[in-house]
Amino acid sequence: MPVGKSIVSTSFSYETFEEKLDIKRQGAKLTIGIPKENALHEKRISLIPEAVEVLVNNGHEVIIEHKAGEGSKYSDGDYSEAGARIAYSKEDVYKAPMILKTAPLTEDDLPFLQLNQTVISPIHLSMLKKPLIEKLMEKRITALGFEHLKDDSGTFPIVRSMSEIAGSAVMLIAGQYLGSPDNGKGVLLGGISGIPPTKVIIIGAGVVGEFATRTALAMGASVKVFDNNVYRLKRLQNNLGVRVWTSVIEPKILAKQLKTCEVAVGALSSDNGRCPIVVSEDMVRAMRAGSVIIDVSVDRGGCFETSEITTHEKPVFIKHDVIHYCVPNIPSGFARTASHAISNVLMPLLLLASDQGGFDDMVWHNFNLRHGIYLYKGALTNFYISQRFNLKYTDLNLLIASRR
């Protein structure tokens, strides 16, 4: 071989490797804890006994705190017969790897939370505080805000259910406070033969507005609906199948209609932050004495300038001779129905999580579930919260991809 020359091998070995597919682990057992809610006026529970029975029969364990279901008129016996274990201390409940709540996490929950726990609860962005988020990050909590949970159709099932309840309930509430015993005008909501129908103004044509309109029409009232989103007004007309009076929110037209109505419902929504005030104090002052305002939007600041948050125990106040009902959590007043609606969403979700190998594996496979997660193993994955509190944001998709 000549000096200074090297031999380069041109012999290659090719081998076929098996393709590695993402295989879902099957049949993970879940241990679920449901604490008793101590938040003011929260009477709902996240799983009803029938749902607990389904989960237990599928091999899962459900631990429920003593009297957690009493606000929804479910007894410990109902849950015990369904197969749940009744715990007499919060510490026992919070030992479960997964916690279900119907009230938002608060600082009172922090001492009980365990490292790497998963919590499914509402989030209520307007009431969120930075120290709470920081503590949850320290404990490496995975948190799902169930009002941001999407289904396969792209809608928010729990929000829709609660909105349907609130929309249907407002007319029942209005009917009560229009009566003479509650300082009302002594008017029957809807009216009878020979008497003009009660006039109802609904501001907002979303789900709450739609169901409030349905109920008001069914009771015989005359309904006028305002919304600045023309598409929503068209959708409401189509969903109802009848023609109702609609208008965009033009202050002079709105003020004129409010002067002669018996009931005004605020049902505006807001994607982020406070909902707009569209009814000024002067408009309220011009309303008839004894008329009723129900501001369903009060949990997002309210769309009436005169709105102030009230409670289920003291739900109304009178201002400018107008009755104001401003309870922020109307579905909790119909807790059994609301609990059933929440349970109808969460129970199938938990069964699916088990089938897909546990909650962590479900996050990998289910893109709709990711939309509701605002903390993942202590990392803040909600951009709005990160901006609001100046905390580090981490993209959830990158987190999940990096663990594989």
Protein backbone atom coordinates (compact mmCIF):
# COMPACT_ATOMS: atom_id res chain seq x y z
CA MET A 1 0.00 0.00 0.00
CA PRO A 2 1.44 3.39 -1.00
CA VAL A 3 2.67 5.59 1.79
CA GLY A 4 0.30 8.38 2.84
CA LYS A 5 -2.78 6.71 1.42
CA SER A 6 -5.62 5.45 3.60
CA ILE A 7 -8.27 2.94 2.81
CA VAL A 8 -11.88 4.18 3.13
CA SER A 9 -14.37 1.45 3.73
CA THR A 10 -17.33 1.54 1.39
CA SER A 11 -19.11 -1.34 3.03
CA PHE A 12 -22.32 -0.28 4.78
CA SER A 13 -24.65 -2.35 6.88
CA TYR A 14 -28.35 -1.49 6.68
CA GLU A 15 -30.78 -2.79 9.30
CA THR A 16 -34.54 -2.37 9.54
CA PHE A 17 -35.73 -1.22 12.95
CA GLU A 18 -39.24 -1.58 14.31
CA GLU A 19 -41.34 1.58 14.21
CA LYS A 20 -42.04 2.78 17.74
CA LEU A 21 -45.68 3.76 18.09
CA ASP A 22 -47.24 5.70 20.97
CA ILE A 23 -49.16 3.03 22.87
CA LYS A 24 -51.74 4.03 25.44
CA ARG A 25 -51.44 2.33 28.78
CA GLN A 26 -54.70 0.67 29.66
CA GLY A 27 -56.75 0.44 32.81
CA ALA A 28 -55.13 2.88 35.23
CA LYS A 29 -56.84 2.92 38.62
CA LEU A 30 -57.87 6.36 39.83
CA THR A 31 -58.18 7.50 43.43
CA ILE A 32 -60.42 10.55 43.61
CA GLY A 33 -60.99 12.83 46.59
CA ILE A 34 -64.02 15.13 46.93
CA PRO A 35 -63.77 17.60 49.84
CA LYS A 36 -66.70 19.41 51.42
CA GLU A 37 -66.84 22.95 50.06
CA ASN A 38 -66.47 25.66 52.69
CA ALA A 39 -66.77 28.53 50.22
CA LEU A 40 -69.68 30.80 50.95
CA HIS A 41 -72.89 29.64 49.24
CA GLU A 42 -71.26 26.80 47.29
CA LYS A 43 -73.65 23.86 47.60
CA ARG A 44 -72.79 21.85 44.50
CA ILE A 45 -70.78 18.64 44.43
CA SER A 46 -68.73 17.38 41.49
CA LEU A 47 -69.99 13.76 41.39
CA ILE A 48 -73.48 12.53 42.25
CA PRO A 49 -73.89 9.05 43.85
CA GLU A 50 -74.91 7.43 40.55
CA ALA A 51 -71.65 8.61 38.95
CA VAL A 52 -69.63 7.41 41.94
CA GLU A 53 -71.21 3.98 41.58
CA VAL A 54 -70.14 3.79 37.92
CA LEU A 55 -66.56 4.75 38.83
CA VAL A 56 -66.37 2.28 41.73
CA ASN A 57 -67.78 -0.52 39.56
CA ASN A 58 -64.96 0.22 37.10
CA GLY A 59 -62.34 -0.36 39.79
CA HIS A 60 -61.71 3.21 40.97
CA GLU A 61 -61.68 4.56 44.51
CA VAL A 62 -63.71 7.61 45.54
CA ILE A 63 -63.16 9.31 48.90
CA ILE A 64 -65.79 11.87 49.94
CA GLU A 65 -65.62 14.12 52.97
CA HIS A 66 -68.37 13.79 55.57
CA LYS A 67 -71.47 15.83 54.55
CA ALA A 68 -69.89 16.98 51.27
CA GLY A 69 -73.15 16.30 49.43
CA GLU A 70 -75.62 17.80 51.90
CA GLY A 71 -75.88 21.09 49.98
CA SER A 72 -77.22 19.10 47.01
CA LYS A 73 -79.40 16.98 49.31
CA TYR A 74 -77.22 13.87 48.99
CA SER A 75 -76.44 12.09 52.25
CA ASP A 76 -73.33 10.20 53.31
CA GLY A 77 -75.49 7.09 53.10
CA ASP A 78 -76.21 7.74 49.42
CA TYR A 79 -72.48 7.86 48.68
CA SER A 80 -71.62 4.97 50.94
CA GLU A 81 -74.18 2.75 49.20
CA ALA A 82 -72.65 3.81 45.87
CA GLY A 83 -69.28 2.47 47.06
CA ALA A 84 -67.52 5.65 48.14
CA ARG A 85 -65.43 5.82 51.31
CA ILE A 86 -66.59 8.54 53.69
CA ALA A 87 -63.71 10.49 55.26
CA TYR A 88 -64.16 12.54 58.43
CA SER A 89 -61.18 14.84 57.90
CA LYS A 90 -59.92 16.95 55.00
CA GLU A 91 -56.45 15.46 55.43
CA ASP A 92 -57.76 12.01 54.45
CA VAL A 93 -59.56 13.36 51.39
CA TYR A 94 -56.54 15.33 50.17
CA LYS A 95 -54.34 12.23 50.26
CA ALA A 96 -55.98 11.21 46.98
CA PRO A 97 -53.84 11.91 43.90
CA MET A 98 -56.80 13.58 42.17
CA ILE A 99 -59.09 16.18 43.79
CA LEU A 100 -62.46 17.33 42.42
CA LYS A 101 -63.95 20.62 43.61
CA THR A 102 -66.91 22.80 42.63
CA ALA A 103 -65.44 25.95 44.21
CA PRO A 104 -62.13 27.52 43.15
CA LEU A 105 -58.93 26.69 45.00
CA THR A 106 -58.23 29.11 47.84
CA GLU A 107 -55.43 29.68 50.33
CA ASP A 108 -57.39 27.55 52.82
CA ASP A 109 -56.81 24.53 50.56
CA LEU A 110 -53.03 24.99 50.34
CA PRO A 111 -52.05 23.23 53.61
CA PHE A 112 -53.89 20.10 52.48
CA LEU A 113 -52.61 19.86 48.91
CA GLN A 114 -49.94 17.24 48.22
CA LEU A 115 -46.96 17.42 45.88
CA ASN A 116 -47.75 16.51 42.26
CA GLN A 117 -51.50 16.39 42.85
CA THR A 118 -54.09 16.90 40.10
CA VAL A 119 -56.97 19.26 40.87
CA ILE A 120 -60.08 19.76 38.75
CA SER A 121 -62.07 22.83 39.85
CA PRO A 122 -63.33 26.20 38.63
CA ILE A 123 -60.71 28.93 38.34
CA HIS A 124 -62.60 32.29 38.38
CA LEU A 125 -59.90 34.44 36.79
CA SER A 126 -61.32 37.70 38.18
CA MET A 127 -60.82 36.51 41.78
CA LEU A 128 -57.42 34.84 41.30
CA LYS A 129 -54.45 36.02 43.41
CA LYS A 130 -50.75 35.78 42.61
CA PRO A 131 -49.61 34.19 45.95
CA LEU A 132 -52.04 31.31 45.40
CA ILE A 133 -50.66 30.57 41.93
CA GLU A 134 -47.09 30.74 43.25
CA LYS A 135 -47.87 28.23 46.02
CA LEU A 136 -49.52 25.87 43.54
CA MET A 137 -46.44 26.11 41.35
CA GLU A 138 -44.22 25.26 44.32
CA LYS A 139 -46.28 22.13 45.01
CA ARG A 140 -46.03 21.09 41.35
CA ILE A 141 -49.81 20.94 41.03
CA THR A 142 -51.54 20.05 37.78
CA ALA A 143 -54.71 22.14 37.70
CA LEU A 144 -57.64 22.03 35.29
CA GLY A 145 -60.19 24.86 35.27
CA PHE A 146 -63.36 23.05 34.34
CA GLU A 147 -65.05 26.16 32.90
CA HIS A 148 -62.30 26.07 30.21
CA LEU A 149 -62.75 22.36 29.50
CA LYS A 150 -63.74 21.72 25.87
CA ASP A 151 -65.58 18.77 24.36
CA ASP A 152 -65.22 17.25 20.90
CA SER A 153 -67.65 19.80 19.42
CA GLY A 154 -65.42 22.68 20.58
CA THR A 155 -67.91 23.96 23.18
CA PHE A 156 -67.50 24.26 26.94
CA PRO A 157 -69.94 21.68 28.38
CA ILE A 158 -69.88 22.70 32.05
CA VAL A 159 -70.15 26.41 31.28
CA ARG A 160 -73.03 25.71 28.93
CA SER A 161 -74.86 23.59 31.50
CA MET A 162 -74.46 26.24 34.21
CA SER A 163 -75.57 28.93 31.76
CA GLU A 164 -78.66 26.92 30.85
CA ILE A 165 -79.54 26.60 34.55
CA ALA A 166 -78.94 30.30 35.21
CA GLY A 167 -80.94 31.36 32.16
CA SER A 168 -83.90 29.17 33.06
CA ALA A 169 -83.74 30.21 36.73
CA VAL A 170 -83.76 33.99 36.25
CA MET A 171 -87.37 34.05 35.13
CA LEU A 172 -88.45 31.98 38.13
CA ILE A 173 -86.54 34.39 40.36
CA ALA A 174 -88.05 37.41 38.60
CA GLY A 175 -91.53 35.99 39.02
CA GLN A 176 -90.94 35.64 42.75
CA TYR A 177 -89.75 39.21 43.26
CA LEU A 178 -92.45 40.76 41.08
CA GLY A 179 -94.97 39.53 43.64
CA SER A 180 -96.30 41.81 46.37
CA PRO A 181 -94.76 39.93 49.35
CA ASP A 182 -91.25 40.80 48.12
CA ASN A 183 -91.80 44.55 47.58
CA GLY A 184 -92.58 43.92 43.93
CA LYS A 185 -95.29 45.44 41.77
CA GLY A 186 -97.69 42.60 42.46
CA VAL A 187 -97.51 41.54 38.84
CA LEU A 188 -97.78 37.96 37.60
CA LEU A 189 -94.93 37.24 35.23
CA GLY A 190 -96.46 36.54 31.85
CA GLY A 191 -99.96 37.86 32.52
CA ILE A 192 -103.33 36.24 31.80
CA SER A 193 -106.14 36.61 29.26
CA GLY A 194 -107.29 40.19 28.89
CA ILE A 195 -104.19 41.65 30.57
CA PRO A 196 -101.13 42.78 28.60
CA PRO A 197 -98.12 40.48 29.02
CA THR A 198 -95.23 41.34 31.31
CA LYS A 199 -92.40 43.06 29.44
CA VAL A 200 -88.95 41.50 29.81
CA ILE A 201 -85.68 43.00 28.54
CA ILE A 202 -82.72 40.62 28.13
CA ILE A 203 -79.25 42.08 27.51
CA GLY A 204 -77.05 39.39 25.97
CA ALA A 205 -77.96 36.70 23.42
CA GLY A 206 -75.60 33.96 24.59
CA VAL A 207 -76.68 30.72 26.28
CA VAL A 208 -77.97 32.51 29.40
CA GLY A 209 -79.92 34.97 27.28
CA GLU A 210 -81.31 32.21 25.07
CA PHE A 211 -82.62 30.14 27.96
CA ALA A 212 -83.96 33.19 29.77
CA THR A 213 -85.83 34.06 26.57
CA ARG A 214 -87.17 30.52 26.23
CA THR A 215 -88.49 30.52 29.78
CA ALA A 216 -89.97 34.02 29.55
CA LEU A 217 -91.78 33.18 26.32
CA ALA A 218 -93.08 29.93 27.82
CA MET A 219 -94.51 31.93 30.73
CA GLY A 220 -96.27 34.27 28.33
CA ALA A 221 -94.05 37.35 28.68
CA SER A 222 -93.20 39.83 25.95
CA VAL A 223 -89.43 39.61 25.37
CA LYS A 224 -86.95 42.01 23.77
CA VAL A 225 -83.30 40.97 23.39
CA PHE A 226 -80.25 43.23 23.03
CA ASP A 227 -76.74 42.20 21.95
CA ASN A 228 -73.98 43.86 19.95
CA ASN A 229 -73.16 40.56 18.24
CA VAL A 230 -75.61 40.27 15.32
CA TYR A 231 -74.59 36.65 14.73
CA ARG A 232 -75.72 35.77 18.26
CA LEU A 233 -79.05 37.50 17.69
CA LYS A 234 -79.55 35.51 14.47
CA ARG A 235 -78.55 32.27 16.20
CA LEU A 236 -80.99 32.97 19.03
CA GLN A 237 -83.81 33.49 16.54
CA ASN A 238 -82.94 30.24 14.76
CA ASN A 239 -82.59 28.23 17.99
CA LEU A 240 -85.90 29.48 19.36
CA GLY A 241 -87.75 28.87 16.11
CA VAL A 242 -89.84 32.02 16.68
CA ARG A 243 -89.33 35.66 15.87
CA VAL A 244 -88.52 37.79 18.91
CA TRP A 245 -87.78 41.52 19.02
CA THR A 246 -84.00 42.03 18.83
CA SER A 247 -81.66 45.00 18.66
CA VAL A 248 -78.03 45.93 18.92
CA ILE A 249 -77.17 47.78 22.14
CA GLU A 250 -77.93 51.38 21.25
CA PRO A 251 -78.17 53.45 24.47
CA LYS A 252 -81.23 55.54 23.52
CA ILE A 253 -83.24 52.54 22.33
CA LEU A 254 -82.20 50.51 25.39
CA ALA A 255 -83.09 53.34 27.79
CA LYS A 256 -86.50 53.73 26.18
CA GLN A 257 -87.29 50.03 26.53
CA LEU A 258 -86.06 49.85 30.14
CA LYS A 259 -88.47 52.65 31.14
CA THR A 260 -91.49 50.45 30.47
CA CYS A 261 -90.26 46.95 31.40
CA GLU A 262 -91.03 44.89 34.50
CA VAL A 263 -87.92 42.70 34.32
CA ALA A 264 -84.38 43.45 33.04
CA VAL A 265 -81.82 40.65 32.80
CA GLY A 266 -78.09 41.27 32.36
CA ALA A 267 -76.56 38.29 30.56
CA LEU A 268 -73.50 39.72 28.84
CA SER A 269 -70.34 37.64 28.73
CA SER A 270 -66.68 38.60 28.56
CA ASP A 271 -63.78 36.51 27.30
CA ASN A 272 -61.26 38.24 29.57
CA GLY A 273 -61.71 40.63 32.45
CA ARG A 274 -64.74 42.74 33.21
CA CYS A 275 -67.90 42.77 31.14
CA PRO A 276 -68.98 46.20 29.87
CA ILE A 277 -71.48 48.37 31.74
CA VAL A 278 -74.29 49.12 29.28
CA VAL A 279 -77.02 50.29 31.68
CA SER A 280 -76.16 53.53 33.48
CA GLU A 281 -77.49 54.61 36.87
CA ASP A 282 -79.65 57.21 35.12
CA MET A 283 -81.28 54.45 33.05
CA VAL A 284 -82.03 52.50 36.24
CA ARG A 285 -83.41 55.62 37.93
CA ALA A 286 -85.87 56.02 35.06
CA MET A 287 -87.23 52.46 35.43
CA ARG A 288 -90.62 51.78 37.00
CA ALA A 289 -90.79 51.42 40.76
CA GLY A 290 -91.02 47.76 41.79
CA SER A 291 -89.44 46.43 38.59
CA VAL A 292 -86.73 43.77 38.88
CA ILE A 293 -83.11 43.70 37.69
CA ILE A 294 -81.30 40.36 37.63
CA ASP A 295 -77.63 40.79 36.75
CA VAL A 296 -76.27 37.36 35.85
CA SER A 297 -73.04 39.05 34.73
CA VAL A 298 -72.25 40.31 38.23
CA ASP A 299 -69.48 37.72 38.70
CA ARG A 300 -67.67 39.52 35.86
CA GLY A 301 -68.39 42.99 37.25
CA GLY A 302 -72.00 43.36 36.11
CA CYS A 303 -73.52 45.18 33.14
CA PHE A 304 -75.71 47.48 35.29
CA GLU A 305 -73.93 50.41 36.91
CA THR A 306 -76.01 49.95 40.07
CA SER A 307 -75.14 46.26 40.55
CA GLU A 308 -73.55 45.11 43.81
CA ILE A 309 -72.78 41.48 44.64
CA THR A 310 -75.41 39.87 46.89
CA THR A 311 -75.72 36.39 48.45
CA HIS A 312 -78.25 33.56 48.45
CA GLU A 313 -79.08 34.48 52.05
CA LYS A 314 -79.63 38.17 51.22
CA PRO A 315 -80.14 38.09 47.45
CA VAL A 316 -81.72 41.49 46.79
CA PHE A 317 -81.39 45.18 47.55
CA ILE A 318 -83.49 48.13 46.40
CA LYS A 319 -81.97 51.12 44.66
CA HIS A 320 -83.98 53.89 42.97
CA ASP A 321 -87.10 51.83 43.89
CA VAL A 322 -85.86 49.01 41.64
CA ILE A 323 -85.26 45.51 43.06
CA HIS A 324 -81.72 44.26 42.27
CA TYR A 325 -80.89 40.55 42.36
CA CYS A 326 -77.10 40.20 41.97
CA VAL A 327 -76.12 36.72 43.21
CA PRO A 328 -72.94 35.64 41.34
CA ASN A 329 -73.49 31.88 41.55
CA ILE A 330 -77.14 31.34 40.58
CA PRO A 331 -76.71 27.61 39.69
CA SER A 332 -75.66 26.90 43.29
CA GLY A 333 -79.19 27.87 44.31
CA PHE A 334 -80.33 24.89 42.23
CA ALA A 335 -77.51 22.72 43.53
CA ARG A 336 -78.93 19.26 42.83
CA THR A 337 -79.56 20.00 39.15
CA ALA A 338 -76.20 21.78 38.83
CA SER A 339 -74.34 18.90 40.51
CA HIS A 340 -75.97 16.43 38.13
CA ALA A 341 -74.89 18.54 35.15
CA ILE A 342 -71.26 18.79 36.35
CA SER A 343 -71.18 15.07 37.14
CA ASN A 344 -72.43 14.25 33.64
CA VAL A 345 -69.26 15.85 32.23
CA LEU A 346 -66.67 14.76 34.80
CA MET A 347 -67.62 11.09 35.19
CA PRO A 348 -67.10 10.17 31.50
CA LEU A 349 -63.91 12.26 31.52
CA LEU A 350 -62.53 10.25 34.45
CA LEU A 351 -63.42 6.94 32.81
CA LEU A 352 -61.68 8.08 29.63
CA ALA A 353 -58.62 9.11 31.67
CA SER A 354 -58.46 5.62 33.12
CA ASP A 355 -58.84 3.98 29.70
CA GLN A 356 -55.98 6.08 28.36
CA GLY A 357 -53.60 5.12 31.16
CA GLY A 358 -54.22 7.92 33.68
CA PHE A 359 -54.62 11.68 33.60
CA ASP A 360 -51.04 12.35 32.46
CA ASP A 361 -51.42 10.04 29.49
CA MET A 362 -54.81 11.51 28.67
CA VAL A 363 -53.26 14.98 28.44
CA TRP A 364 -50.88 13.55 25.83
CA HIS A 365 -53.71 12.19 23.69
CA ASN A 366 -56.57 14.65 24.30
CA PHE A 367 -56.11 18.13 22.82
CA ASN A 368 -59.45 19.39 24.17
CA LEU A 369 -58.34 18.58 27.71
CA ARG A 370 -55.19 20.70 27.28
CA HIS A 371 -57.34 23.78 26.75
CA GLY A 372 -58.50 23.67 30.38
CA ILE A 373 -55.10 23.12 32.01
CA TYR A 374 -53.57 26.25 33.52
CA LEU A 375 -50.89 24.50 35.61
CA TYR A 376 -49.00 21.38 34.56
CA LYS A 377 -46.75 19.82 37.20
CA GLY A 378 -46.13 23.29 38.61
CA ALA A 379 -45.49 25.04 35.29
CA LEU A 380 -47.87 27.89 34.45
CA THR A 381 -49.41 27.14 31.06
CA ASN A 382 -52.04 29.89 30.89
CA PHE A 383 -50.72 32.93 29.02
CA TYR A 384 -53.35 35.34 30.40
CA ILE A 385 -52.48 34.48 34.02
CA SER A 386 -48.75 34.75 33.32
CA GLN A 387 -49.20 38.23 31.85
CA ARG A 388 -51.50 39.38 34.61
CA PHE A 389 -49.18 38.36 37.46
CA ASN A 390 -45.85 38.64 35.60
CA LEU A 391 -45.06 34.95 36.08
CA LYS A 392 -43.12 32.64 33.77
CA TYR A 393 -45.23 31.11 31.03
CA THR A 394 -44.50 27.67 29.59
CA ASP A 395 -46.19 26.26 26.52
CA LEU A 396 -48.09 23.12 27.52
CA ASN A 397 -47.51 21.39 24.16
CA LEU A 398 -43.75 21.77 24.58
CA LEU A 399 -43.92 20.40 28.12
CA ILE A 400 -45.83 17.34 27.03
CA ALA A 401 -43.58 16.74 24.01
CA SER A 402 -40.45 16.99 26.16
CA ARG A 403 -41.54 14.27 28.56
CA ARG A 404 -41.72 11.68 25.81
